Amino acid sequence: MVILKRLSKFGTLGLTTVYTVGHIFIAMACTFVITGAPLNLAAADAIIEPVINGFWFAFLHKAWGKYIIVS
């Protein structure tokens, strides 16, 4: 929990980092289990795709905060 509290100080960057790391592990496990691909190929797929999604999430999070008014 200490790590999450420290990352929370970084706002969007901290949230994006936690999301991306979690996504990498989830994607690797899914690719490995569903396709039966070797672990090294599952890891490569799991790293490339979530990193791209991480950039998308950071953009979305910034845009959401800027254009969506929550009352």
N, C-alpha and C. Protein backbone atom coordinates (compact mmCIF):
# COMPACT_ATOMS: atom_id res chain seq x y z
N MET A 1 0.81 -1.20 0.00
CA MET A 1 0.00 0.00 0.00
C MET A 1 0.85 1.26 0.00
N VAL A 2 2.04 1.17 0.58
CA VAL A 2 2.92 2.33 0.63
C VAL A 2 3.29 2.76 -0.79
N ILE A 3 3.56 1.79 -1.66
CA ILE A 3 3.92 2.10 -3.04
C ILE A 3 2.76 2.80 -3.73
N LEU A 4 1.55 2.32 -3.52
CA LEU A 4 0.38 2.94 -4.16
C LEU A 4 0.17 4.36 -3.66
N LYS A 5 0.40 4.60 -2.36
CA LYS A 5 0.26 5.96 -1.82
C LYS A 5 1.30 6.89 -2.45
N ARG A 6 2.51 6.38 -2.65
CA ARG A 6 3.55 7.20 -3.27
C ARG A 6 3.21 7.49 -4.73
N LEU A 7 2.71 6.47 -5.44
CA LEU A 7 2.34 6.68 -6.84
C LEU A 7 1.14 7.62 -6.98
N SER A 8 0.26 7.64 -5.97
CA SER A 8 -0.91 8.51 -6.06
C SER A 8 -0.52 9.98 -6.09
N LYS A 9 0.65 10.31 -5.59
CA LYS A 9 1.13 11.70 -5.62
C LYS A 9 1.43 12.15 -7.05
N PHE A 10 1.60 11.19 -7.96
CA PHE A 10 1.93 11.50 -9.34
C PHE A 10 0.69 11.64 -10.23
N GLY A 11 -0.50 11.54 -9.66
CA GLY A 11 -1.74 11.74 -10.42
C GLY A 11 -1.89 10.78 -11.58
N THR A 12 -2.09 11.33 -12.74
CA THR A 12 -2.32 10.54 -13.94
C THR A 12 -1.16 9.60 -14.24
N LEU A 13 0.05 10.06 -14.06
CA LEU A 13 1.22 9.22 -14.34
C LEU A 13 1.27 8.01 -13.40
N GLY A 14 0.99 8.22 -12.13
CA GLY A 14 0.98 7.12 -11.17
C GLY A 14 -0.10 6.11 -11.48
N LEU A 15 -1.31 6.59 -11.75
CA LEU A 15 -2.42 5.70 -12.08
C LEU A 15 -2.14 4.94 -13.37
N THR A 16 -1.59 5.61 -14.35
CA THR A 16 -1.26 4.98 -15.62
C THR A 16 -0.20 3.90 -15.43
N THR A 17 0.78 4.14 -14.58
CA THR A 17 1.83 3.16 -14.32
C THR A 17 1.25 1.91 -13.68
N VAL A 18 0.43 2.08 -12.65
CA VAL A 18 -0.18 0.93 -11.98
C VAL A 18 -1.06 0.15 -12.96
N TYR A 19 -1.85 0.86 -13.74
CA TYR A 19 -2.73 0.23 -14.73
C TYR A 19 -1.91 -0.57 -15.75
N THR A 20 -0.84 0.01 -16.27
CA THR A 20 -0.05 -0.62 -17.31
C THR A 20 0.67 -1.86 -16.80
N VAL A 21 1.25 -1.79 -15.62
CA VAL A 21 1.94 -2.95 -15.05
C VAL A 21 0.95 -4.09 -14.82
N GLY A 22 -0.20 -3.78 -14.26
CA GLY A 22 -1.22 -4.81 -14.06
C GLY A 22 -1.68 -5.40 -15.38
N HIS A 23 -1.85 -4.55 -16.36
CA HIS A 23 -2.31 -5.00 -17.67
C HIS A 23 -1.29 -5.94 -18.31
N ILE A 24 -0.01 -5.67 -18.12
CA ILE A 24 1.03 -6.52 -18.69
C ILE A 24 0.93 -7.94 -18.12
N PHE A 25 0.78 -8.04 -16.81
CA PHE A 25 0.68 -9.37 -16.20
C PHE A 25 -0.60 -10.09 -16.61
N ILE A 26 -1.70 -9.38 -16.68
CA ILE A 26 -2.97 -9.99 -17.10
C ILE A 26 -2.90 -10.44 -18.55
N ALA A 27 -2.36 -9.61 -19.42
CA ALA A 27 -2.26 -9.95 -20.84
C ALA A 27 -1.33 -11.15 -21.06
N MET A 28 -0.23 -11.21 -20.31
CA MET A 28 0.69 -12.32 -20.46
C MET A 28 0.02 -13.63 -20.03
N ALA A 29 -0.67 -13.60 -18.93
CA ALA A 29 -1.35 -14.80 -18.45
C ALA A 29 -2.43 -15.25 -19.43
N CYS A 30 -3.21 -14.30 -19.94
CA CYS A 30 -4.28 -14.65 -20.89
C CYS A 30 -3.72 -15.22 -22.19
N THR A 31 -2.69 -14.59 -22.74
CA THR A 31 -2.09 -15.09 -23.97
C THR A 31 -1.52 -16.49 -23.77
N PHE A 32 -0.85 -16.69 -22.65
CA PHE A 32 -0.24 -17.99 -22.35
C PHE A 32 -1.32 -19.07 -22.20
N VAL A 33 -2.38 -18.78 -21.46
CA VAL A 33 -3.41 -19.77 -21.19
C VAL A 33 -4.29 -20.03 -22.42
N ILE A 34 -4.71 -18.96 -23.09
CA ILE A 34 -5.65 -19.10 -24.20
C ILE A 34 -5.00 -19.70 -25.44
N THR A 35 -3.81 -19.22 -25.79
CA THR A 35 -3.19 -19.67 -27.04
C THR A 35 -2.17 -20.78 -26.84
N GLY A 36 -1.68 -20.93 -25.61
CA GLY A 36 -0.64 -21.92 -25.37
C GLY A 36 0.71 -21.49 -25.93
N ALA A 37 0.85 -20.21 -26.23
CA ALA A 37 2.11 -19.68 -26.76
C ALA A 37 3.21 -19.82 -25.72
N PRO A 38 4.45 -19.95 -26.19
CA PRO A 38 5.57 -19.98 -25.23
C PRO A 38 5.56 -18.71 -24.38
N LEU A 39 6.06 -18.83 -23.17
CA LEU A 39 6.02 -17.71 -22.23
C LEU A 39 6.74 -16.48 -22.76
N ASN A 40 7.83 -16.65 -23.51
CA ASN A 40 8.56 -15.48 -24.04
C ASN A 40 7.72 -14.73 -25.08
N LEU A 41 6.97 -15.44 -25.91
CA LEU A 41 6.10 -14.77 -26.88
C LEU A 41 4.90 -14.13 -26.20
N ALA A 42 4.37 -14.82 -25.20
CA ALA A 42 3.26 -14.24 -24.43
C ALA A 42 3.72 -12.96 -23.74
N ALA A 43 4.94 -12.96 -23.23
CA ALA A 43 5.48 -11.77 -22.57
C ALA A 43 5.68 -10.63 -23.56
N ALA A 44 6.20 -10.93 -24.74
CA ALA A 44 6.39 -9.89 -25.76
C ALA A 44 5.06 -9.25 -26.13
N ASP A 45 4.06 -10.07 -26.37
CA ASP A 45 2.73 -9.54 -26.69
C ASP A 45 2.18 -8.75 -25.51
N ALA A 46 2.41 -9.26 -24.31
CA ALA A 46 1.87 -8.63 -23.11
C ALA A 46 2.53 -7.29 -22.82
N ILE A 47 3.74 -7.09 -23.28
CA ILE A 47 4.42 -5.81 -23.04
C ILE A 47 4.04 -4.78 -24.09
N ILE A 48 4.04 -5.16 -25.34
CA ILE A 48 3.78 -4.20 -26.43
C ILE A 48 2.36 -3.63 -26.36
N GLU A 49 1.38 -4.49 -26.29
CA GLU A 49 -0.02 -4.04 -26.33
C GLU A 49 -0.40 -3.17 -25.13
N PRO A 50 -0.06 -3.55 -23.88
CA PRO A 50 -0.42 -2.69 -22.76
C PRO A 50 0.30 -1.35 -22.73
N VAL A 51 1.52 -1.31 -23.23
CA VAL A 51 2.22 -0.02 -23.26
C VAL A 51 1.47 0.95 -24.17
N ILE A 52 1.01 0.45 -25.31
CA ILE A 52 0.21 1.29 -26.21
C ILE A 52 -1.09 1.69 -25.51
N ASN A 53 -1.73 0.74 -24.83
CA ASN A 53 -2.94 1.07 -24.08
C ASN A 53 -2.67 2.05 -22.95
N GLY A 54 -1.49 1.97 -22.35
CA GLY A 54 -1.14 2.91 -21.29
C GLY A 54 -1.10 4.34 -21.78
N PHE A 55 -0.53 4.55 -22.97
CA PHE A 55 -0.52 5.89 -23.55
C PHE A 55 -1.95 6.35 -23.86
N TRP A 56 -2.77 5.44 -24.37
CA TRP A 56 -4.16 5.76 -24.67
C TRP A 56 -4.89 6.14 -23.37
N PHE A 57 -4.66 5.38 -22.29
CA PHE A 57 -5.32 5.67 -21.03
C PHE A 57 -4.90 7.02 -20.48
N ALA A 58 -3.61 7.35 -20.56
CA ALA A 58 -3.14 8.64 -20.07
C ALA A 58 -3.81 9.78 -20.83
N PHE A 59 -3.89 9.65 -22.15
CA PHE A 59 -4.56 10.66 -22.97
C PHE A 59 -6.04 10.77 -22.57
N LEU A 60 -6.70 9.62 -22.45
CA LEU A 60 -8.11 9.60 -22.09
C LEU A 60 -8.35 10.22 -20.72
N HIS A 61 -7.50 9.89 -19.76
CA HIS A 61 -7.65 10.42 -18.41
C HIS A 61 -7.50 11.94 -18.39
N LYS A 62 -6.53 12.45 -19.12
CA LYS A 62 -6.34 13.91 -19.20
C LYS A 62 -7.53 14.58 -19.88
N ALA A 63 -7.97 14.01 -21.01
CA ALA A 63 -9.10 14.58 -21.74
C ALA A 63 -10.38 14.52 -20.90
N TRP A 64 -10.56 13.43 -20.19
CA TRP A 64 -11.75 13.25 -19.35
C TRP A 64 -11.81 14.36 -18.30
N GLY A 65 -10.68 14.59 -17.64
CA GLY A 65 -10.63 15.63 -16.63
C GLY A 65 -10.81 17.04 -17.18
N LYS A 66 -10.42 17.22 -18.42
CA LYS A 66 -10.49 18.55 -19.01
C LYS A 66 -11.88 18.85 -19.60
N TYR A 67 -12.51 17.87 -20.22
CA TYR A 67 -13.74 18.12 -20.96
C TYR A 67 -15.01 17.61 -20.29
N ILE A 68 -14.89 16.69 -19.35
CA ILE A 68 -16.07 16.15 -18.69
C ILE A 68 -16.22 16.84 -17.36
N ILE A 69 -17.35 17.47 -17.14
CA ILE A 69 -17.61 18.19 -15.90
C ILE A 69 -18.43 17.26 -15.00
N VAL A 70 -17.87 16.97 -13.85
CA VAL A 70 -18.55 16.11 -12.89
C VAL A 70 -19.00 16.98 -11.72
N SER A 71 -20.28 16.92 -11.42
CA SER A 71 -20.77 17.75 -10.31
C SER A 71 -21.03 16.95 -9.07
